[in-house]
Amino acid sequence: MIVGLIIACEVAFWVLLAAGLAFRYALRMPRTGLVLLLCEPLLELVLFAVTAIDLRNGAEPDWRHGLAAVYIGFTAGLGHSTIAWADARVAHRFAGGPPPAAPPRYGTARTVHEWKVAGRWILAAAVALALLQGAVWYVGDAGDTGPLRAWQQRMLWVIGINVVIAAGYTLFPKRPPQGGPAQKLRGPAEKSVDSEAGTGT
């Protein structure tokens, strides 16, 4: 039942997102669209309540309960950015909004972008860790919490991988290729100076 509810929540997330954007832009009913988008967190509350009731009724904790906690955590950490990503593209396509900004490719801007992305994944994993720990305390000594602990270890791996990736861009920032954007910024005045330096006096 838990897995089926997770699948239903995921489908409902995209249905509500599509409906909210349709009302907001295609039907010119922004308030109705906003209400539909604000209903997204209710899906996670329903899943959380059903999972807690299942455990309270004596269900043995297993990977399904851990998956529910992870799904809620990742929706909390990544759901807002997913909605913003879709909203920007629909607004550009159907409402004359500005084109979505492409992520930076080089230098400090790329490093900051990678830390922002990592931050969202770390937040998602941290929320999942907290929910899993809450489930462990809730079950106590009455059941086997091994499956929940296993999910916690996976979330620690998610945090570690994202920190390593973002730190890599910090220590080794990506630079534009030779002859790329940085060199194209050179203007006629700079080229004139180079020419004079090469000919001498």
N, C-alpha and C. Protein backbone atom coordinates (compact mmCIF):
# COMPACT_ATOMS: atom_id res chain seq x y z
N MET A 1 0.82 -1.21 0.00
CA MET A 1 0.00 0.00 0.00
C MET A 1 0.86 1.26 0.00
N ILE A 2 1.95 1.23 0.77
CA ILE A 2 2.81 2.41 0.87
C ILE A 2 3.41 2.75 -0.49
N VAL A 3 3.91 1.73 -1.20
CA VAL A 3 4.52 1.98 -2.51
C VAL A 3 3.48 2.52 -3.48
N GLY A 4 2.28 1.95 -3.45
CA GLY A 4 1.22 2.44 -4.33
C GLY A 4 0.87 3.90 -4.03
N LEU A 5 0.89 4.25 -2.74
CA LEU A 5 0.59 5.64 -2.37
C LEU A 5 1.71 6.58 -2.81
N ILE A 6 2.95 6.12 -2.74
CA ILE A 6 4.07 6.94 -3.22
C ILE A 6 3.92 7.22 -4.71
N ILE A 7 3.58 6.17 -5.47
CA ILE A 7 3.38 6.35 -6.91
C ILE A 7 2.22 7.31 -7.17
N ALA A 8 1.14 7.16 -6.40
CA ALA A 8 -0.01 8.04 -6.57
C ALA A 8 0.36 9.49 -6.25
N CYS A 9 1.17 9.69 -5.21
CA CYS A 9 1.61 11.05 -4.85
C CYS A 9 2.46 11.65 -5.95
N GLU A 10 3.32 10.85 -6.55
CA GLU A 10 4.17 11.36 -7.63
C GLU A 10 3.33 11.75 -8.84
N VAL A 11 2.38 10.90 -9.20
CA VAL A 11 1.50 11.23 -10.32
C VAL A 11 0.69 12.49 -10.00
N ALA A 12 0.16 12.56 -8.78
CA ALA A 12 -0.64 13.72 -8.39
C ALA A 12 0.20 14.99 -8.39
N PHE A 13 1.48 14.89 -8.03
CA PHE A 13 2.36 16.06 -8.04
C PHE A 13 2.40 16.68 -9.44
N TRP A 14 2.61 15.83 -10.46
CA TRP A 14 2.73 16.35 -11.83
C TRP A 14 1.37 16.79 -12.37
N VAL A 15 0.31 16.11 -11.96
CA VAL A 15 -1.02 16.53 -12.39
C VAL A 15 -1.36 17.91 -11.82
N LEU A 16 -1.10 18.10 -10.52
CA LEU A 16 -1.36 19.40 -9.91
C LEU A 16 -0.47 20.48 -10.52
N LEU A 17 0.78 20.14 -10.82
CA LEU A 17 1.69 21.11 -11.43
C LEU A 17 1.17 21.53 -12.80
N ALA A 18 0.79 20.56 -13.62
CA ALA A 18 0.28 20.87 -14.95
C ALA A 18 -1.02 21.67 -14.87
N ALA A 19 -1.91 21.27 -13.95
CA ALA A 19 -3.18 21.99 -13.82
C ALA A 19 -2.96 23.41 -13.30
N GLY A 20 -2.07 23.56 -12.33
CA GLY A 20 -1.80 24.87 -11.78
C GLY A 20 -1.24 25.83 -12.83
N LEU A 21 -0.31 25.34 -13.64
CA LEU A 21 0.28 26.18 -14.69
C LEU A 21 -0.74 26.47 -15.79
N ALA A 22 -1.60 25.49 -16.09
CA ALA A 22 -2.63 25.71 -17.11
C ALA A 22 -3.60 26.79 -16.68
N PHE A 23 -4.06 26.74 -15.44
CA PHE A 23 -4.97 27.77 -14.94
C PHE A 23 -4.26 29.12 -14.88
N ARG A 24 -2.99 29.11 -14.53
CA ARG A 24 -2.26 30.36 -14.32
C ARG A 24 -2.00 31.09 -15.64
N TYR A 25 -1.68 30.34 -16.69
CA TYR A 25 -1.28 30.99 -17.94
C TYR A 25 -2.28 30.78 -19.07
N ALA A 26 -2.70 29.55 -19.32
CA ALA A 26 -3.60 29.30 -20.45
C ALA A 26 -4.99 29.85 -20.19
N LEU A 27 -5.51 29.66 -18.98
CA LEU A 27 -6.87 30.10 -18.67
C LEU A 27 -6.92 31.47 -18.01
N ARG A 28 -5.76 32.08 -17.77
CA ARG A 28 -5.68 33.42 -17.17
C ARG A 28 -6.39 33.48 -15.81
N MET A 29 -6.19 32.45 -15.01
CA MET A 29 -6.78 32.40 -13.67
C MET A 29 -5.65 32.15 -12.67
N PRO A 30 -4.82 33.19 -12.43
CA PRO A 30 -3.62 32.98 -11.62
C PRO A 30 -3.91 32.56 -10.18
N ARG A 31 -5.00 33.05 -9.61
CA ARG A 31 -5.29 32.68 -8.22
C ARG A 31 -5.64 31.20 -8.10
N THR A 32 -6.45 30.72 -9.03
CA THR A 32 -6.79 29.29 -9.02
C THR A 32 -5.54 28.46 -9.25
N GLY A 33 -4.69 28.89 -10.16
CA GLY A 33 -3.44 28.18 -10.41
C GLY A 33 -2.56 28.15 -9.18
N LEU A 34 -2.49 29.26 -8.46
CA LEU A 34 -1.68 29.32 -7.26
C LEU A 34 -2.22 28.38 -6.19
N VAL A 35 -3.54 28.33 -6.06
CA VAL A 35 -4.15 27.43 -5.07
C VAL A 35 -3.79 25.97 -5.38
N LEU A 36 -3.85 25.62 -6.66
CA LEU A 36 -3.51 24.24 -7.05
C LEU A 36 -2.05 23.93 -6.74
N LEU A 37 -1.17 24.89 -7.00
CA LEU A 37 0.25 24.67 -6.72
C LEU A 37 0.51 24.56 -5.21
N LEU A 38 -0.26 25.33 -4.43
CA LEU A 38 -0.09 25.28 -2.98
C LEU A 38 -0.63 23.99 -2.38
N CYS A 39 -1.39 23.24 -3.16
CA CYS A 39 -1.90 21.94 -2.69
C CYS A 39 -0.83 20.85 -2.72
N GLU A 40 0.28 21.12 -3.40
CA GLU A 40 1.34 20.12 -3.52
C GLU A 40 1.80 19.56 -2.16
N PRO A 41 2.07 20.42 -1.15
CA PRO A 41 2.53 19.87 0.14
C PRO A 41 1.53 18.95 0.82
N LEU A 42 0.25 19.08 0.47
CA LEU A 42 -0.75 18.21 1.09
C LEU A 42 -0.50 16.75 0.74
N LEU A 43 0.07 16.51 -0.43
CA LEU A 43 0.37 15.14 -0.83
C LEU A 43 1.35 14.49 0.14
N GLU A 44 2.38 15.24 0.52
CA GLU A 44 3.38 14.70 1.44
C GLU A 44 2.78 14.49 2.83
N LEU A 45 1.86 15.40 3.24
CA LEU A 45 1.22 15.23 4.54
C LEU A 45 0.37 13.96 4.58
N VAL A 46 -0.33 13.67 3.49
CA VAL A 46 -1.12 12.45 3.41
C VAL A 46 -0.22 11.22 3.50
N LEU A 47 0.88 11.23 2.74
CA LEU A 47 1.80 10.10 2.77
C LEU A 47 2.41 9.92 4.15
N PHE A 48 2.77 11.03 4.77
CA PHE A 48 3.35 10.96 6.12
C PHE A 48 2.34 10.37 7.11
N ALA A 49 1.10 10.82 7.03
CA ALA A 49 0.08 10.34 7.95
C ALA A 49 -0.19 8.85 7.76
N VAL A 50 -0.30 8.42 6.51
CA VAL A 50 -0.56 7.00 6.24
C VAL A 50 0.59 6.13 6.72
N THR A 51 1.82 6.59 6.50
CA THR A 51 2.99 5.82 6.95
C THR A 51 3.02 5.72 8.47
N ALA A 52 2.73 6.83 9.15
CA ALA A 52 2.72 6.81 10.62
C ALA A 52 1.63 5.90 11.15
N ILE A 53 0.46 5.93 10.53
CA ILE A 53 -0.64 5.07 10.97
C ILE A 53 -0.30 3.60 10.75
N ASP A 54 0.36 3.32 9.62
CA ASP A 54 0.74 1.94 9.33
C ASP A 54 1.70 1.41 10.39
N LEU A 55 2.67 2.23 10.80
CA LEU A 55 3.61 1.81 11.84
C LEU A 55 2.91 1.70 13.19
N ARG A 56 2.01 2.62 13.46
CA ARG A 56 1.30 2.59 14.75
C ARG A 56 0.44 1.34 14.87
N ASN A 57 -0.08 0.86 13.75
CA ASN A 57 -0.93 -0.32 13.76
C ASN A 57 -0.14 -1.63 13.84
N GLY A 58 1.17 -1.49 14.03
CA GLY A 58 1.97 -2.69 14.24
C GLY A 58 2.70 -3.22 13.04
N ALA A 59 2.70 -2.49 11.93
CA ALA A 59 3.42 -2.96 10.74
C ALA A 59 4.92 -3.00 11.03
N GLU A 60 5.58 -4.05 10.55
CA GLU A 60 7.03 -4.16 10.74
C GLU A 60 7.73 -3.15 9.83
N PRO A 61 8.61 -2.31 10.37
CA PRO A 61 9.31 -1.33 9.52
C PRO A 61 10.12 -2.04 8.44
N ASP A 62 9.96 -1.61 7.21
CA ASP A 62 10.74 -2.19 6.12
C ASP A 62 11.14 -1.09 5.14
N TRP A 63 11.66 -1.49 3.99
CA TRP A 63 12.18 -0.53 3.03
C TRP A 63 11.09 0.40 2.49
N ARG A 64 9.84 -0.04 2.52
CA ARG A 64 8.76 0.80 2.02
C ARG A 64 8.55 2.03 2.88
N HIS A 65 8.61 1.84 4.19
CA HIS A 65 8.47 2.98 5.09
C HIS A 65 9.65 3.95 4.93
N GLY A 66 10.84 3.37 4.76
CA GLY A 66 12.01 4.22 4.51
C GLY A 66 11.89 4.98 3.21
N LEU A 67 11.37 4.31 2.17
CA LEU A 67 11.19 4.97 0.88
C LEU A 67 10.20 6.13 1.00
N ALA A 68 9.16 5.95 1.80
CA ALA A 68 8.18 7.03 1.99
C ALA A 68 8.85 8.25 2.62
N ALA A 69 9.69 8.03 3.62
CA ALA A 69 10.40 9.14 4.26
C ALA A 69 11.33 9.84 3.27
N VAL A 70 12.02 9.04 2.45
CA VAL A 70 12.94 9.62 1.46
C VAL A 70 12.16 10.41 0.41
N TYR A 71 11.02 9.89 -0.02
CA TYR A 71 10.22 10.60 -1.01
C TYR A 71 9.75 11.95 -0.46
N ILE A 72 9.28 11.96 0.78
CA ILE A 72 8.84 13.22 1.39
C ILE A 72 10.01 14.20 1.49
N GLY A 73 11.17 13.70 1.91
CA GLY A 73 12.35 14.57 2.03
C GLY A 73 12.76 15.17 0.71
N PHE A 74 12.77 14.36 -0.33
CA PHE A 74 13.22 14.86 -1.62
C PHE A 74 12.19 15.79 -2.25
N THR A 75 10.92 15.55 -1.98
CA THR A 75 9.90 16.48 -2.46
C THR A 75 10.04 17.82 -1.75
N ALA A 76 10.33 17.77 -0.45
CA ALA A 76 10.51 19.01 0.31
C ALA A 76 11.74 19.78 -0.17
N GLY A 77 12.82 19.07 -0.48
CA GLY A 77 14.05 19.74 -0.87
C GLY A 77 14.09 20.17 -2.33
N LEU A 78 13.44 19.41 -3.21
CA LEU A 78 13.56 19.66 -4.65
C LEU A 78 12.25 20.09 -5.30
N GLY A 79 11.14 19.96 -4.58
CA GLY A 79 9.85 20.27 -5.18
C GLY A 79 9.72 21.72 -5.61
N HIS A 80 10.16 22.66 -4.76
CA HIS A 80 10.02 24.08 -5.09
C HIS A 80 10.83 24.44 -6.33
N SER A 81 12.06 23.94 -6.42
CA SER A 81 12.89 24.26 -7.59
C SER A 81 12.31 23.64 -8.86
N THR A 82 11.68 22.46 -8.74
CA THR A 82 11.04 21.84 -9.89
C THR A 82 9.86 22.68 -10.38
N ILE A 83 9.06 23.17 -9.44
CA ILE A 83 7.92 24.02 -9.81
C ILE A 83 8.41 25.32 -10.45
N ALA A 84 9.45 25.92 -9.87
CA ALA A 84 9.99 27.17 -10.43
C ALA A 84 10.55 26.94 -11.83
N TRP A 85 11.22 25.80 -12.03
CA TRP A 85 11.78 25.46 -13.35
C TRP A 85 10.66 25.36 -14.39
N ALA A 86 9.59 24.64 -14.06
CA ALA A 86 8.48 24.49 -15.00
C ALA A 86 7.76 25.81 -15.21
N ASP A 87 7.57 26.58 -14.15
CA ASP A 87 6.85 27.85 -14.25
C ASP A 87 7.57 28.81 -15.19
N ALA A 88 8.90 28.90 -15.07
CA ALA A 88 9.65 29.81 -15.93
C ALA A 88 9.52 29.45 -17.40
N ARG A 89 9.52 28.16 -17.70
CA ARG A 89 9.43 27.73 -19.10
C ARG A 89 8.03 27.89 -19.67
N VAL A 90 7.02 27.62 -18.87
CA VAL A 90 5.65 27.81 -19.34
C VAL A 90 5.36 29.30 -19.52
N ALA A 91 5.83 30.12 -18.58
CA ALA A 91 5.64 31.57 -18.70
C ALA A 91 6.29 32.11 -19.97
N HIS A 92 7.48 31.62 -20.30
CA HIS A 92 8.17 32.07 -21.52
C HIS A 92 7.45 31.60 -22.77
N ARG A 93 6.94 30.37 -22.71
CA ARG A 93 6.33 29.78 -23.91
C ARG A 93 4.93 30.34 -24.19
N PHE A 94 4.17 30.58 -23.14
CA PHE A 94 2.76 30.91 -23.35
C PHE A 94 2.35 32.29 -22.84
N ALA A 95 3.20 32.96 -22.06
CA ALA A 95 2.80 34.24 -21.49
C ALA A 95 3.78 35.36 -21.79
N GLY A 96 4.66 35.16 -22.73
CA GLY A 96 5.59 36.21 -23.11
C GLY A 96 6.62 36.55 -22.06
N GLY A 97 6.87 35.63 -21.15
CA GLY A 97 7.88 35.87 -20.12
C GLY A 97 9.29 35.80 -20.69
N PRO A 98 10.26 36.25 -19.93
CA PRO A 98 11.65 36.20 -20.40
C PRO A 98 12.12 34.77 -20.54
N PRO A 99 13.07 34.52 -21.43
CA PRO A 99 13.59 33.16 -21.56
C PRO A 99 14.29 32.73 -20.28
N PRO A 100 14.14 31.48 -19.89
CA PRO A 100 14.81 31.01 -18.67
C PRO A 100 16.32 31.17 -18.78
N ALA A 101 16.92 31.64 -17.71
CA ALA A 101 18.36 31.85 -17.70
C ALA A 101 19.08 30.50 -17.67
N ALA A 102 20.07 30.37 -18.53
CA ALA A 102 20.88 29.16 -18.54
C ALA A 102 21.84 29.19 -17.35
N PRO A 103 22.14 28.05 -16.76
CA PRO A 103 23.09 28.04 -15.65
C PRO A 103 24.47 28.48 -16.11
N PRO A 104 25.21 29.18 -15.27
CA PRO A 104 26.56 29.61 -15.65
C PRO A 104 27.46 28.41 -15.92
N ARG A 105 28.44 28.62 -16.77
CA ARG A 105 29.28 27.49 -17.16
C ARG A 105 30.68 27.53 -16.56
N TYR A 106 31.14 28.73 -16.20
CA TYR A 106 32.54 28.84 -15.80
C TYR A 106 32.71 29.69 -14.55
N GLY A 107 33.89 29.57 -13.94
CA GLY A 107 34.33 30.47 -12.89
C GLY A 107 33.53 30.40 -11.61
N THR A 108 33.58 31.52 -10.88
CA THR A 108 32.91 31.61 -9.58
C THR A 108 31.41 31.42 -9.69
N ALA A 109 30.83 31.95 -10.75
CA ALA A 109 29.38 31.82 -10.94
C ALA A 109 28.98 30.34 -11.03
N ARG A 110 29.78 29.55 -11.74
CA ARG A 110 29.48 28.11 -11.84
C ARG A 110 29.65 27.44 -10.48
N THR A 111 30.66 27.84 -9.72
CA THR A 111 30.86 27.28 -8.39
C THR A 111 29.67 27.56 -7.48
N VAL A 112 29.20 28.82 -7.49
CA VAL A 112 28.04 29.18 -6.67
C VAL A 112 26.81 28.37 -7.09
N HIS A 113 26.64 28.22 -8.40
CA HIS A 113 25.50 27.44 -8.91
C HIS A 113 25.56 26.00 -8.41
N GLU A 114 26.75 25.40 -8.45
CA GLU A 114 26.89 24.01 -8.01
C GLU A 114 26.59 23.86 -6.52
N TRP A 115 26.99 24.86 -5.71
CA TRP A 115 26.70 24.79 -4.28
C TRP A 115 25.20 24.96 -4.03
N LYS A 116 24.52 25.77 -4.84
CA LYS A 116 23.07 25.90 -4.70
C LYS A 116 22.37 24.59 -5.02
N VAL A 117 22.80 23.94 -6.10
CA VAL A 117 22.23 22.64 -6.46
C VAL A 117 22.50 21.63 -5.35
N ALA A 118 23.75 21.60 -4.88
CA ALA A 118 24.11 20.68 -3.80
C ALA A 118 23.28 20.96 -2.55
N GLY A 119 23.06 22.25 -2.27
CA GLY A 119 22.29 22.62 -1.09
C GLY A 119 20.87 22.06 -1.13
N ARG A 120 20.26 22.06 -2.33
CA ARG A 120 18.91 21.52 -2.43
C ARG A 120 18.90 20.01 -2.17
N TRP A 121 19.88 19.30 -2.73
CA TRP A 121 19.97 17.85 -2.52
C TRP A 121 20.31 17.53 -1.06
N ILE A 122 21.18 18.35 -0.46
CA ILE A 122 21.54 18.12 0.94
C ILE A 122 20.33 18.37 1.84
N LEU A 123 19.54 19.41 1.54
CA LEU A 123 18.34 19.67 2.31
C LEU A 123 17.37 18.50 2.20
N ALA A 124 17.20 17.98 0.98
CA ALA A 124 16.31 16.84 0.78
C ALA A 124 16.76 15.64 1.60
N ALA A 125 18.05 15.34 1.55
CA ALA A 125 18.58 14.20 2.30
C ALA A 125 18.47 14.44 3.80
N ALA A 126 18.68 15.68 4.24
CA ALA A 126 18.60 16.00 5.67
C ALA A 126 17.17 15.83 6.19
N VAL A 127 16.19 16.27 5.41
CA VAL A 127 14.80 16.08 5.82
C VAL A 127 14.47 14.59 5.90
N ALA A 128 14.93 13.84 4.90
CA ALA A 128 14.70 12.40 4.92
C ALA A 128 15.36 11.75 6.13
N LEU A 129 16.59 12.17 6.44
CA LEU A 129 17.27 11.65 7.63
C LEU A 129 16.48 11.92 8.90
N ALA A 130 15.95 13.13 9.02
CA ALA A 130 15.18 13.49 10.22
C ALA A 130 13.92 12.64 10.33
N LEU A 131 13.22 12.46 9.21
CA LEU A 131 12.00 11.64 9.23
C LEU A 131 12.32 10.19 9.55
N LEU A 132 13.41 9.69 8.99
CA LEU A 132 13.81 8.31 9.27
C LEU A 132 14.17 8.14 10.75
N GLN A 133 14.87 9.14 11.30
CA GLN A 133 15.22 9.05 12.71
C GLN A 133 13.97 9.12 13.58
N GLY A 134 13.02 9.96 13.16
CA GLY A 134 11.75 10.01 13.89
C GLY A 134 11.04 8.66 13.87
N ALA A 135 11.09 7.98 12.71
CA ALA A 135 10.48 6.66 12.62
C ALA A 135 11.20 5.65 13.50
N VAL A 136 12.53 5.76 13.56
CA VAL A 136 13.31 4.87 14.42
C VAL A 136 12.90 5.05 15.88
N TRP A 137 12.80 6.29 16.32
CA TRP A 137 12.38 6.57 17.71
C TRP A 137 10.94 6.11 17.93
N TYR A 138 10.11 6.29 16.93
CA TYR A 138 8.70 5.92 17.06
C TYR A 138 8.55 4.40 17.24
N VAL A 139 9.33 3.65 16.47
CA VAL A 139 9.27 2.19 16.56
C VAL A 139 9.91 1.71 17.85
N GLY A 140 11.04 2.34 18.21
CA GLY A 140 11.74 1.97 19.44
C GLY A 140 12.27 0.55 19.38
N ASP A 141 12.17 -0.12 20.49
CA ASP A 141 12.66 -1.50 20.58
C ASP A 141 11.61 -2.51 20.17
N ALA A 142 10.47 -2.03 19.71
CA ALA A 142 9.38 -2.95 19.40
C ALA A 142 9.55 -3.63 18.05
N GLY A 143 10.44 -3.12 17.21
CA GLY A 143 10.59 -3.71 15.89
C GLY A 143 12.01 -3.55 15.37
N ASP A 144 12.25 -4.15 14.22
CA ASP A 144 13.56 -4.08 13.58
C ASP A 144 13.68 -2.78 12.80
N THR A 145 14.60 -1.93 13.21
CA THR A 145 14.78 -0.64 12.52
C THR A 145 15.92 -0.70 11.51
N GLY A 146 16.42 -1.89 11.23
CA GLY A 146 17.52 -2.03 10.27
C GLY A 146 17.23 -1.42 8.90
N PRO A 147 16.05 -1.68 8.30
CA PRO A 147 15.75 -1.08 7.00
C PRO A 147 15.75 0.44 7.03
N LEU A 148 15.30 1.02 8.14
CA LEU A 148 15.30 2.48 8.25
C LEU A 148 16.72 3.01 8.37
N ARG A 149 17.57 2.32 9.14
CA ARG A 149 18.97 2.70 9.26
C ARG A 149 19.69 2.60 7.91
N ALA A 150 19.32 1.61 7.12
CA ALA A 150 19.95 1.45 5.81
C ALA A 150 19.64 2.65 4.91
N TRP A 151 18.40 3.14 4.98
CA TRP A 151 18.05 4.33 4.20
C TRP A 151 18.81 5.56 4.71
N GLN A 152 19.03 5.63 6.02
CA GLN A 152 19.81 6.74 6.56
C GLN A 152 21.23 6.74 6.01
N GLN A 153 21.82 5.57 5.89
CA GLN A 153 23.17 5.48 5.32
C GLN A 153 23.20 5.95 3.88
N ARG A 154 22.15 5.62 3.14
CA ARG A 154 22.09 6.08 1.74
C ARG A 154 21.99 7.60 1.68
N MET A 155 21.24 8.18 2.59
CA MET A 155 21.11 9.63 2.60
C MET A 155 22.44 10.31 2.94
N LEU A 156 23.21 9.69 3.82
CA LEU A 156 24.54 10.22 4.12
C LEU A 156 25.43 10.19 2.88
N TRP A 157 25.29 9.13 2.08
CA TRP A 157 26.03 9.06 0.83
C TRP A 157 25.61 10.17 -0.13
N VAL A 158 24.31 10.45 -0.19
CA VAL A 158 23.83 11.52 -1.05
C VAL A 158 24.44 12.86 -0.62
N ILE A 159 24.46 13.11 0.68
CA ILE A 159 25.05 14.36 1.18
C ILE A 159 26.54 14.41 0.84
N GLY A 160 27.25 13.32 1.09
CA GLY A 160 28.69 13.29 0.83
C GLY A 160 29.02 13.50 -0.63
N ILE A 161 28.28 12.85 -1.52
CA ILE A 161 28.55 12.98 -2.96
C ILE A 161 28.34 14.42 -3.42
N ASN A 162 27.27 15.06 -2.96
CA ASN A 162 26.99 16.43 -3.37
C ASN A 162 28.02 17.40 -2.82
N VAL A 163 28.50 17.17 -1.60
CA VAL A 163 29.54 18.02 -1.04
C VAL A 163 30.82 17.87 -1.84
N VAL A 164 31.16 16.65 -2.21
CA VAL A 164 32.39 16.40 -2.98
C VAL A 164 32.31 17.09 -4.35
N ILE A 165 31.16 16.97 -5.02
CA ILE A 165 31.01 17.60 -6.34
C ILE A 165 31.13 19.12 -6.24
N ALA A 166 30.43 19.72 -5.29
CA ALA A 166 30.48 21.18 -5.14
C ALA A 166 31.87 21.64 -4.72
N ALA A 167 32.51 20.88 -3.82
CA ALA A 167 33.87 21.24 -3.39
C ALA A 167 34.85 21.13 -4.55
N GLY A 168 34.61 20.17 -5.45
CA GLY A 168 35.47 20.05 -6.62
C GLY A 168 35.44 21.29 -7.49
N TYR A 169 34.25 21.87 -7.66
CA TYR A 169 34.16 23.12 -8.43
C TYR A 169 34.77 24.29 -7.68
N THR A 170 34.82 24.20 -6.35
CA THR A 170 35.45 25.26 -5.57
C THR A 170 36.97 25.19 -5.68
N LEU A 171 37.51 23.99 -5.56
CA LEU A 171 38.97 23.82 -5.61
C LEU A 171 39.51 23.87 -7.03
N PHE A 172 38.72 23.40 -7.96
CA PHE A 172 39.16 23.37 -9.37
C PHE A 172 38.07 24.00 -10.23
N PRO A 173 37.92 25.32 -10.15
CA PRO A 173 36.84 25.98 -10.92
C PRO A 173 36.99 25.74 -12.41
N LYS A 174 35.87 25.55 -13.05
CA LYS A 174 35.88 25.30 -14.49
C LYS A 174 36.18 26.59 -15.23
N ARG A 175 37.15 26.54 -16.10
CA ARG A 175 37.58 27.74 -16.84
C ARG A 175 37.17 27.62 -18.30
N PRO A 176 36.90 28.78 -18.94
CA PRO A 176 36.52 28.73 -20.36
C PRO A 176 37.68 28.24 -21.21
N PRO A 177 37.40 27.56 -22.31
CA PRO A 177 38.46 27.06 -23.18
C PRO A 177 39.23 28.21 -23.83
N GLN A 178 40.43 27.91 -24.28
CA GLN A 178 41.24 28.92 -24.97
C GLN A 178 40.49 29.40 -26.21
N GLY A 179 40.45 30.74 -26.36
CA GLY A 179 39.71 31.31 -27.48
C GLY A 179 38.22 31.38 -27.22
N GLY A 180 37.80 31.10 -25.94
CA GLY A 180 36.39 31.09 -25.58
C GLY A 180 35.90 32.46 -25.19
N PRO A 181 34.87 32.50 -24.38
CA PRO A 181 34.22 33.78 -24.04
C PRO A 181 35.15 34.80 -23.41
N ALA A 182 36.11 34.35 -22.58
CA ALA A 182 36.99 35.30 -21.90
C ALA A 182 37.85 36.06 -22.89
N GLN A 183 38.35 35.36 -23.93
CA GLN A 183 39.21 36.03 -24.90
C GLN A 183 38.42 36.85 -25.89
N LYS A 184 37.15 36.47 -26.11
CA LYS A 184 36.33 37.23 -27.05
C LYS A 184 35.96 38.60 -26.50
N LEU A 185 36.15 38.80 -25.20
CA LEU A 185 35.83 40.08 -24.59
C LEU A 185 36.86 41.15 -24.93
N ARG A 186 38.00 40.75 -25.47
CA ARG A 186 39.03 41.72 -25.80
C ARG A 186 38.56 42.62 -26.93
N GLY A 187 38.69 43.91 -26.72
CA GLY A 187 38.19 44.88 -27.69
C GLY A 187 39.28 45.37 -28.62
N PRO A 188 38.94 46.26 -29.56
CA PRO A 188 39.90 46.79 -30.53
C PRO A 188 41.06 47.50 -29.86
N ALA A 189 40.80 48.19 -28.75
CA ALA A 189 41.88 48.93 -28.10
C ALA A 189 42.96 47.98 -27.61
N GLU A 190 42.55 46.82 -27.04
CA GLU A 190 43.53 45.86 -26.54
C GLU A 190 44.32 45.28 -27.69
N LYS A 191 43.64 45.00 -28.82
CA LYS A 191 44.34 44.44 -29.98
C LYS A 191 45.34 45.45 -30.53
N SER A 192 44.99 46.75 -30.50
CA SER A 192 45.89 47.77 -30.98
C SER A 192 47.14 47.84 -30.13
N VAL A 193 46.97 47.71 -28.81
CA VAL A 193 48.12 47.73 -27.92
C VAL A 193 49.03 46.57 -28.20
N ASP A 194 48.45 45.36 -28.42
CA ASP A 194 49.26 44.20 -28.72
C ASP A 194 50.03 44.38 -30.02
N SER A 195 49.35 45.02 -31.01
CA SER A 195 50.02 45.24 -32.30
C SER A 195 51.22 46.16 -32.17
N GLU A 196 51.04 47.25 -31.39
CA GLU A 196 52.13 48.19 -31.20
C GLU A 196 53.28 47.54 -30.43
N ALA A 197 52.94 46.71 -29.46
CA ALA A 197 53.98 46.04 -28.68
C ALA A 197 54.77 45.09 -29.56
N GLY A 198 54.10 44.53 -30.56
CA GLY A 198 54.80 43.58 -31.40
C GLY A 198 55.70 44.25 -32.41
N THR A 199 55.38 45.46 -32.90
CA THR A 199 56.18 46.12 -33.92
C THR A 199 57.36 46.89 -33.31
N GLY A 200 57.22 47.34 -32.07
CA GLY A 200 58.31 48.11 -31.43
C GLY A 200 58.36 49.51 -31.96
N THR A 201 59.39 50.32 -31.53
CA THR A 201 59.51 51.71 -31.98
C THR A 201 60.90 51.92 -32.54
